[in-house]
């Protein structure tokens, strides 16, 4: 079974996205042995720092993408399809 996202209305698309996000988060949460992962990571802050760096870079990219989207919506940038 597959969702027909081409015909979804905004509210249906929002619910679909939430369901996909929840499903993905649950799959990731159950994908590893928490004791083994904890032992692997040890007491070092290396992983914590890498995760924080990734989050900051991801947030910066989101801000950049949001600005580009807003510029497109304002008509100051033209969108073009590669199809």
PDB file of N, CA and C in Angstrom:
ATOM      1  N   UNK A   1       0.845  -1.169   0.000  1.00  0.00           N
ATOM      2  CA  UNK A   1       0.000   0.000   0.000  1.00  0.00           C
ATOM      3  C   UNK A   1       0.892   1.234   0.000  1.00  0.00           C
ATOM      4  N   UNK A   2       0.473   2.226  -0.746  1.00  0.00           N
ATOM      5  CA  UNK A   2       1.250   3.459  -0.827  1.00  0.00           C
ATOM      6  C   UNK A   2       0.299   4.655  -0.807  1.00  0.00           C
ATOM      7  N   UNK A   3       0.727   5.722  -0.175  1.00  0.00           N
ATOM      8  CA  UNK A   3      -0.086   6.942  -0.127  1.00  0.00           C
ATOM      9  C   UNK A   3       0.085   7.713  -1.435  1.00  0.00           C
ATOM     10  N   UNK A   4      -0.994   8.272  -1.925  1.00  0.00           N
ATOM     11  CA  UNK A   4      -0.947   9.078  -3.139  1.00  0.00           C
ATOM     12  C   UNK A   4      -0.717  10.533  -2.728  1.00  0.00           C
ATOM     13  N   UNK A   5       0.549  10.899  -2.552  1.00  0.00           N
ATOM     14  CA  UNK A   5       0.863  12.233  -2.040  1.00  0.00           C
ATOM     15  C   UNK A   5       0.586  13.336  -3.061  1.00  0.00           C
ATOM     16  N   UNK A   6       0.487  12.986  -4.329  1.00  0.00           N
ATOM     17  CA  UNK A   6       0.208  13.996  -5.354  1.00  0.00           C
ATOM     18  C   UNK A   6      -1.186  14.585  -5.228  1.00  0.00           C
ATOM     19  N   UNK A   7      -2.103  13.852  -4.621  1.00  0.00           N
ATOM     20  CA  UNK A   7      -3.478  14.339  -4.505  1.00  0.00           C
ATOM     21  C   UNK A   7      -3.863  14.717  -3.071  1.00  0.00           C
ATOM     22  N   UNK A   8      -2.919  14.674  -2.157  1.00  0.00           N
ATOM     23  CA  UNK A   8      -3.230  14.985  -0.756  1.00  0.00           C
ATOM     24  C   UNK A   8      -3.472  16.473  -0.553  1.00  0.00           C
ATOM     25  N   UNK A   9      -4.394  16.749   0.331  1.00  0.00           N
ATOM     26  CA  UNK A   9      -4.637  18.121   0.757  1.00  0.00           C
ATOM     27  C   UNK A   9      -3.659  18.438   1.883  1.00  0.00           C
ATOM     28  N   UNK A  10      -3.453  19.713   2.193  1.00  0.00           N
ATOM     29  CA  UNK A  10      -2.457  20.085   3.207  1.00  0.00           C
ATOM     30  C   UNK A  10      -2.623  19.374   4.553  1.00  0.00           C
ATOM     31  N   UNK A  11      -3.825  19.259   5.060  1.00  0.00           N
ATOM     32  CA  UNK A  11      -4.025  18.607   6.360  1.00  0.00           C
ATOM     33  C   UNK A  11      -3.672  17.120   6.285  1.00  0.00           C
ATOM     34  N   UNK A  12      -4.055  16.459   5.211  1.00  0.00           N
ATOM     35  CA  UNK A  12      -3.706  15.052   5.038  1.00  0.00           C
ATOM     36  C   UNK A  12      -2.202  14.876   4.905  1.00  0.00           C
ATOM     37  N   UNK A  13      -1.547  15.789   4.192  1.00  0.00           N
ATOM     38  CA  UNK A  13      -0.093  15.727   4.032  1.00  0.00           C
ATOM     39  C   UNK A  13       0.591  15.916   5.384  1.00  0.00           C
ATOM     40  N   UNK A  14       0.062  16.819   6.209  1.00  0.00           N
ATOM     41  CA  UNK A  14       0.635  17.031   7.539  1.00  0.00           C
ATOM     42  C   UNK A  14       0.522  15.768   8.391  1.00  0.00           C
ATOM     43  N   UNK A  15      -0.629  15.144   8.379  1.00  0.00           N
ATOM     44  CA  UNK A  15      -0.814  13.909   9.141  1.00  0.00           C
ATOM     45  C   UNK A  15       0.088  12.794   8.618  1.00  0.00           C
ATOM     46  N   UNK A  16       0.209  12.709   7.305  1.00  0.00           N
ATOM     47  CA  UNK A  16       1.068  11.699   6.696  1.00  0.00           C
ATOM     48  C   UNK A  16       2.528  11.918   7.105  1.00  0.00           C
ATOM     49  N   UNK A  17       2.985  13.174   7.071  1.00  0.00           N
ATOM     50  CA  UNK A  17       4.354  13.488   7.457  1.00  0.00           C
ATOM     51  C   UNK A  17       4.596  13.158   8.927  1.00  0.00           C
ATOM     52  N   UNK A  18       3.621  13.460   9.781  1.00  0.00           N
ATOM     53  CA  UNK A  18       3.762  13.139  11.199  1.00  0.00           C
ATOM     54  C   UNK A  18       3.863  11.628  11.407  1.00  0.00           C
ATOM     55  N   UNK A  19       3.044  10.879  10.700  1.00  0.00           N
ATOM     56  CA  UNK A  19       3.076   9.423  10.805  1.00  0.00           C
ATOM     57  C   UNK A  19       4.422   8.869  10.323  1.00  0.00           C
ATOM     58  N   UNK A  20       4.925   9.405   9.223  1.00  0.00           N
ATOM     59  CA  UNK A  20       6.228   8.963   8.712  1.00  0.00           C
ATOM     60  C   UNK A  20       7.331   9.289   9.719  1.00  0.00           C
ATOM     61  N   UNK A  21       7.300  10.484  10.284  1.00  0.00           N
ATOM     62  CA  UNK A  21       8.297  10.876  11.273  1.00  0.00           C
ATOM     63  C   UNK A  21       8.247  10.003  12.504  1.00  0.00           C
ATOM     64  N   UNK A  22       7.051   9.728  12.994  1.00  0.00           N
ATOM     65  CA  UNK A  22       6.888   8.883  14.178  1.00  0.00           C
ATOM     66  C   UNK A  22       7.413   7.477  13.901  1.00  0.00           C
ATOM     67  N   UNK A  23       7.075   6.949  12.732  1.00  0.00           N
ATOM     68  CA  UNK A  23       7.512   5.602  12.361  1.00  0.00           C
ATOM     69  C   UNK A  23       9.037   5.529  12.263  1.00  0.00           C
ATOM     70  N   UNK A  24       9.639   6.532  11.636  1.00  0.00           N
ATOM     71  CA  UNK A  24      11.092   6.559  11.496  1.00  0.00           C
ATOM     72  C   UNK A  24      11.771   6.676  12.864  1.00  0.00           C
ATOM     73  N   UNK A  25      11.260   7.556  13.718  1.00  0.00           N
ATOM     74  CA  UNK A  25      11.837   7.722  15.054  1.00  0.00           C
ATOM     75  C   UNK A  25      11.741   6.427  15.844  1.00  0.00           C
ATOM     76  N   UNK A  26      10.614   5.772  15.756  1.00  0.00           N
ATOM     77  CA  UNK A  26      10.431   4.514  16.493  1.00  0.00           C
ATOM     78  C   UNK A  26      11.389   3.438  15.970  1.00  0.00           C
ATOM     79  N   UNK A  27      11.547   3.376  14.669  1.00  0.00           N
ATOM     80  CA  UNK A  27      12.459   2.387  14.085  1.00  0.00           C
ATOM     81  C   UNK A  27      13.894   2.642  14.542  1.00  0.00           C
ATOM     82  N   UNK A  28      14.299   3.893  14.567  1.00  0.00           N
ATOM     83  CA  UNK A  28      15.655   4.215  15.011  1.00  0.00           C
ATOM     84  C   UNK A  28      15.824   3.940  16.498  1.00  0.00           C
ATOM     85  N   UNK A  29      14.813   4.217  17.271  1.00  0.00           N
ATOM     86  CA  UNK A  29      14.899   4.004  18.716  1.00  0.00           C
ATOM     87  C   UNK A  29      15.028   2.525  19.048  1.00  0.00           C
ATOM     88  N   UNK A  30      14.529   1.675  18.205  1.00  0.00           N
ATOM     89  CA  UNK A  30      14.554   0.240  18.482  1.00  0.00           C
ATOM     90  C   UNK A  30      15.650  -0.483  17.702  1.00  0.00           C
ATOM     91  N   UNK A  31      16.507   0.259  17.019  1.00  0.00           N
ATOM     92  CA  UNK A  31      17.442  -0.388  16.106  1.00  0.00           C
ATOM     93  C   UNK A  31      18.742  -0.864  16.746  1.00  0.00           C
ATOM     94  N   UNK A  32      18.974  -0.561  18.018  1.00  0.00           N
ATOM     95  CA  UNK A  32      20.244  -0.965  18.599  1.00  0.00           C
ATOM     96  C   UNK A  32      20.124  -1.458  20.021  1.00  0.00           C
ATOM     97  N   UNK A  33      21.147  -2.083  20.455  1.00  0.00           N
ATOM     98  CA  UNK A  33      21.241  -2.571  21.823  1.00  0.00           C
ATOM     99  C   UNK A  33      21.787  -1.430  22.670  1.00  0.00           C
ATOM    100  N   UNK A  34      20.954  -0.844  23.521  1.00  0.00           N
ATOM    101  CA  UNK A  34      21.337   0.358  24.253  1.00  0.00           C
ATOM    102  C   UNK A  34      22.544   0.137  25.157  1.00  0.00           C
ATOM    103  N   UNK A  35      22.711  -1.050  25.696  1.00  0.00           N
ATOM    104  CA  UNK A  35      23.865  -1.338  26.555  1.00  0.00           C
ATOM    105  C   UNK A  35      25.142  -1.382  25.720  1.00  0.00           C
ATOM    106  N   UNK A  36      25.076  -2.041  24.572  1.00  0.00           N
ATOM    107  CA  UNK A  36      26.246  -2.117  23.696  1.00  0.00           C
ATOM    108  C   UNK A  36      26.617  -0.733  23.172  1.00  0.00           C
ATOM    109  N   UNK A  37      25.634   0.058  22.801  1.00  0.00           N
ATOM    110  CA  UNK A  37      25.902   1.409  22.304  1.00  0.00           C
ATOM    111  C   UNK A  37      26.538   2.253  23.405  1.00  0.00           C
ATOM    112  N   UNK A  38      25.997   2.167  24.599  1.00  0.00           N
ATOM    113  CA  UNK A  38      26.543   2.917  25.730  1.00  0.00           C
ATOM    114  C   UNK A  38      27.995   2.513  26.013  1.00  0.00           C
ATOM    115  N   UNK A  39      28.275   1.241  25.973  1.00  0.00           N
ATOM    116  CA  UNK A  39      29.635   0.760  26.204  1.00  0.00           C
ATOM    117  C   UNK A  39      30.576   1.244  25.103  1.00  0.00           C
ATOM    118  N   UNK A  40      30.082   1.265  23.872  1.00  0.00           N
ATOM    119  CA  UNK A  40      30.893   1.710  22.745  1.00  0.00           C
ATOM    120  C   UNK A  40      31.235   3.192  22.872  1.00  0.00           C
ATOM    121  N   UNK A  41      30.243   3.991  23.293  1.00  0.00           N
ATOM    122  CA  UNK A  41      30.446   5.437  23.397  1.00  0.00           C
ATOM    123  C   UNK A  41      31.295   5.821  24.596  1.00  0.00           C
ATOM    124  N   UNK A  42      31.303   4.986  25.613  1.00  0.00           N
ATOM    125  CA  UNK A  42      32.122   5.217  26.800  1.00  0.00           C
ATOM    126  C   UNK A  42      31.707   6.512  27.492  1.00  0.00           C
ATOM    127  N   UNK A  43      32.624   7.078  28.270  1.00  0.00           N
ATOM    128  CA  UNK A  43      32.350   8.331  28.976  1.00  0.00           C
ATOM    129  C   UNK A  43      32.905   9.537  28.236  1.00  0.00           C
ATOM    130  N   UNK A  44      33.394   9.329  27.038  1.00  0.00           N
ATOM    131  CA  UNK A  44      33.968  10.407  26.239  1.00  0.00           C
ATOM    132  C   UNK A  44      32.886  11.369  25.766  1.00  0.00           C
ATOM    133  N   UNK A  45      33.255  12.610  25.542  1.00  0.00           N
ATOM    134  CA  UNK A  45      32.307  13.605  25.022  1.00  0.00           C
ATOM    135  C   UNK A  45      32.404  13.732  23.498  1.00  0.00           C
ATOM    136  N   UNK A  46      33.201  12.874  22.869  1.00  0.00           N
ATOM    137  CA  UNK A  46      33.402  12.961  21.420  1.00  0.00           C
ATOM    138  C   UNK A  46      32.079  12.844  20.662  1.00  0.00           C
ATOM    139  N   UNK A  47      31.282  11.855  21.026  1.00  0.00           N
ATOM    140  CA  UNK A  47      30.005  11.674  20.339  1.00  0.00           C
ATOM    141  C   UNK A  47      29.068  12.847  20.628  1.00  0.00           C
ATOM    142  N   UNK A  48      29.034  13.289  21.881  1.00  0.00           N
ATOM    143  CA  UNK A  48      28.181  14.429  22.246  1.00  0.00           C
ATOM    144  C   UNK A  48      28.537  15.664  21.420  1.00  0.00           C
ATOM    145  N   UNK A  49      29.829  15.917  21.298  1.00  0.00           N
ATOM    146  CA  UNK A  49      30.283  17.083  20.534  1.00  0.00           C
ATOM    147  C   UNK A  49      29.959  16.939  19.053  1.00  0.00           C
ATOM    148  N   UNK A  50      30.131  15.743  18.525  1.00  0.00           N
ATOM    149  CA  UNK A  50      29.813  15.509  17.109  1.00  0.00           C
ATOM    150  C   UNK A  50      28.324  15.702  16.855  1.00  0.00           C
ATOM    151  N   UNK A  51      27.502  15.229  17.781  1.00  0.00           N
ATOM    152  CA  UNK A  51      26.056  15.387  17.644  1.00  0.00           C
ATOM    153  C   UNK A  51      25.655  16.859  17.713  1.00  0.00           C
ATOM    154  N   UNK A  52      26.269  17.599  18.629  1.00  0.00           N
ATOM    155  CA  UNK A  52      25.988  19.037  18.745  1.00  0.00           C
ATOM    156  C   UNK A  52      26.425  19.784  17.485  1.00  0.00           C
ATOM    157  N   UNK A  53      27.601  19.441  16.951  1.00  0.00           N
ATOM    158  CA  UNK A  53      28.077  20.070  15.714  1.00  0.00           C
ATOM    159  C   UNK A  53      27.133  19.783  14.552  1.00  0.00           C
ATOM    160  N   UNK A  54      26.694  18.533  14.456  1.00  0.00           N
ATOM    161  CA  UNK A  54      25.752  18.166  13.397  1.00  0.00           C
ATOM    162  C   UNK A  54      24.453  18.962  13.531  1.00  0.00           C
ATOM    163  N   UNK A  55      23.934  19.053  14.750  1.00  0.00           N
ATOM    164  CA  UNK A  55      22.677  19.772  14.978  1.00  0.00           C
ATOM    165  C   UNK A  55      22.807  21.242  14.591  1.00  0.00           C
ATOM    166  N   UNK A  56      23.936  21.851  14.926  1.00  0.00           N
ATOM    167  CA  UNK A  56      24.144  23.262  14.585  1.00  0.00           C
ATOM    168  C   UNK A  56      24.241  23.456  13.073  1.00  0.00           C
ATOM    169  N   UNK A  57      24.976  22.576  12.408  1.00  0.00           N
ATOM    170  CA  UNK A  57      25.101  22.657  10.951  1.00  0.00           C
ATOM    171  C   UNK A  57      23.750  22.424  10.278  1.00  0.00           C
ATOM    172  N   UNK A  58      22.984  21.476  10.801  1.00  0.00           N
ATOM    173  CA  UNK A  58      21.653  21.176  10.256  1.00  0.00           C
ATOM    174  C   UNK A  58      20.722  22.368  10.432  1.00  0.00           C
ATOM    175  N   UNK A  59      20.791  23.021  11.596  1.00  0.00           N
ATOM    176  CA  UNK A  59      19.962  24.199  11.846  1.00  0.00           C
ATOM    177  C   UNK A  59      20.336  25.333  10.889  1.00  0.00           C
ATOM    178  N   UNK A  60      21.637  25.526  10.674  1.00  0.00           N
ATOM    179  CA  UNK A  60      22.074  26.555   9.724  1.00  0.00           C
ATOM    180  C   UNK A  60      21.556  26.260   8.320  1.00  0.00           C
ATOM    181  N   UNK A  61      21.594  24.990   7.913  1.00  0.00           N
ATOM    182  CA  UNK A  61      21.094  24.613   6.587  1.00  0.00           C
ATOM    183  C   UNK A  61      19.592  24.854   6.493  1.00  0.00           C
ATOM    184  N   UNK A  62      18.859  24.554   7.568  1.00  0.00           N
ATOM    185  CA  UNK A  62      17.420  24.807   7.576  1.00  0.00           C
ATOM    186  C   UNK A  62      17.121  26.294   7.425  1.00  0.00           C
ATOM    187  N   UNK A  63      17.890  27.139   8.102  1.00  0.00           N
ATOM    188  CA  UNK A  63      17.703  28.584   7.970  1.00  0.00           C
ATOM    189  C   UNK A  63      17.975  29.038   6.540  1.00  0.00           C
ATOM    190  N   UNK A  64      19.029  28.505   5.949  1.00  0.00           N
ATOM    191  CA  UNK A  64      19.358  28.840   4.561  1.00  0.00           C
ATOM    192  C   UNK A  64      18.238  28.402   3.617  1.00  0.00           C
ATOM    193  N   UNK A  65      17.769  27.173   3.791  1.00  0.00           N
ATOM    194  CA  UNK A  65      16.692  26.651   2.937  1.00  0.00           C
ATOM    195  C   UNK A  65      15.409  27.462   3.106  1.00  0.00           C
ATOM    196  N   UNK A  66      15.113  27.835   4.349  1.00  0.00           N
ATOM    197  CA  UNK A  66      13.904  28.630   4.629  1.00  0.00           C
ATOM    198  C   UNK A  66      13.985  29.988   3.938  1.00  0.00           C
ATOM    199  N   UNK A  67      15.155  30.613   3.978  1.00  0.00           N
ATOM    200  CA  UNK A  67      15.342  31.901   3.308  1.00  0.00           C
ATOM    201  C   UNK A  67      15.163  31.763   1.801  1.00  0.00           C
ATOM    202  N   UNK A  68      15.711  30.693   1.243  1.00  0.00           N
ATOM    203  CA  UNK A  68      15.572  30.459  -0.195  1.00  0.00           C
ATOM    204  C   UNK A  68      14.115  30.216  -0.564  1.00  0.00           C
ATOM    205  N   UNK A  69      13.406  29.477   0.279  1.00  0.00           N
ATOM    206  CA  UNK A  69      11.988  29.210   0.025  1.00  0.00           C
ATOM    207  C   UNK A  69      11.177  30.501   0.113  1.00  0.00           C
ATOM    208  N   UNK A  70      11.473  31.317   1.117  1.00  0.00           N
ATOM    209  CA  UNK A  70      10.762  32.587   1.267  1.00  0.00           C
ATOM    210  C   UNK A  70      11.036  33.499   0.075  1.00  0.00           C
ATOM    211  N   UNK A  71      12.267  33.510  -0.418  1.00  0.00           N
ATOM    212  CA  UNK A  71      12.601  34.324  -1.577  1.00  0.00           C
ATOM    213  C   UNK A  71      11.834  33.845  -2.810  1.00  0.00           C
ATOM    214  N   UNK A  72      11.699  32.539  -2.936  1.00  0.00           N
ATOM    215  CA  UNK A  72      10.932  31.987  -4.056  1.00  0.00           C
ATOM    216  C   UNK A  72       9.472  32.357  -3.960  1.00  0.00           C
ATOM    217  N   UNK A  73       8.915  32.304  -2.742  1.00  0.00           N
ATOM    218  CA  UNK A  73       7.504  32.642  -2.540  1.00  0.00           C
ATOM    219  C   UNK A  73       7.269  34.135  -2.765  1.00  0.00           C
ATOM    220  N   UNK A  74       8.272  34.964  -2.472  1.00  0.00           N
ATOM    221  CA  UNK A  74       8.131  36.396  -2.653  1.00  0.00           C
ATOM    222  C   UNK A  74       8.306  36.804  -4.117  1.00  0.00           C
ATOM    223  N   UNK A  75       8.745  35.867  -4.930  1.00  0.00           N
ATOM    224  CA  UNK A  75       8.911  36.136  -6.351  1.00  0.00           C
ATOM    225  C   UNK A  75      10.261  36.752  -6.691  1.00  0.00           C
ATOM    226  N   UNK A  76      11.151  36.826  -5.733  1.00  0.00           N
ATOM    227  CA  UNK A  76      12.474  37.411  -6.017  1.00  0.00           C
ATOM    228  C   UNK A  76      13.422  36.381  -6.622  1.00  0.00           C
ATOM    229  N   UNK A  77      13.030  35.114  -6.585  1.00  0.00           N
ATOM    230  CA  UNK A  77      13.805  34.047  -7.191  1.00  0.00           C
ATOM    231  C   UNK A  77      12.851  33.196  -8.018  1.00  0.00           C
ATOM    232  N   UNK A  78      13.268  32.799  -9.182  1.00  0.00           N
ATOM    233  CA  UNK A  78      12.423  31.953 -10.011  1.00  0.00           C
ATOM    234  C   UNK A  78      12.766  30.491  -9.794  1.00  0.00           C
ATOM    235  N   UNK A  79      11.745  29.679  -9.611  1.00  0.00           N
ATOM    236  CA  UNK A  79      11.930  28.235  -9.482  1.00  0.00           C
ATOM    237  C   UNK A  79      11.960  27.622 -10.870  1.00  0.00           C
ATOM    238  N   UNK A  80      12.684  26.545 -11.012  1.00  0.00           N
ATOM    239  CA  UNK A  80      12.808  25.883 -12.301  1.00  0.00           C
ATOM    240  C   UNK A  80      12.793  24.382 -12.084  1.00  0.00           C
ATOM    241  N   UNK A  81      12.057  23.681 -12.888  1.00  0.00           N
ATOM    242  CA  UNK A  81      11.986  22.225 -12.797  1.00  0.00           C
ATOM    243  C   UNK A  81      13.089  21.595 -13.628  1.00  0.00           C
ATOM    244  N   UNK A  82      13.653  20.519 -13.085  1.00  0.00           N
ATOM    245  CA  UNK A  82      14.662  19.788 -13.842  1.00  0.00           C
ATOM    246  C   UNK A  82      14.059  18.656 -14.651  1.00  0.00           C
ATOM    247  N   UNK A  83      12.753  18.558 -14.661  1.00  0.00           N
ATOM    248  CA  UNK A  83      12.092  17.470 -15.385  1.00  0.00           C
ATOM    249  C   UNK A  83      11.979  17.770 -16.852  1.00  0.00           C
TER     250      UNK A  83
END
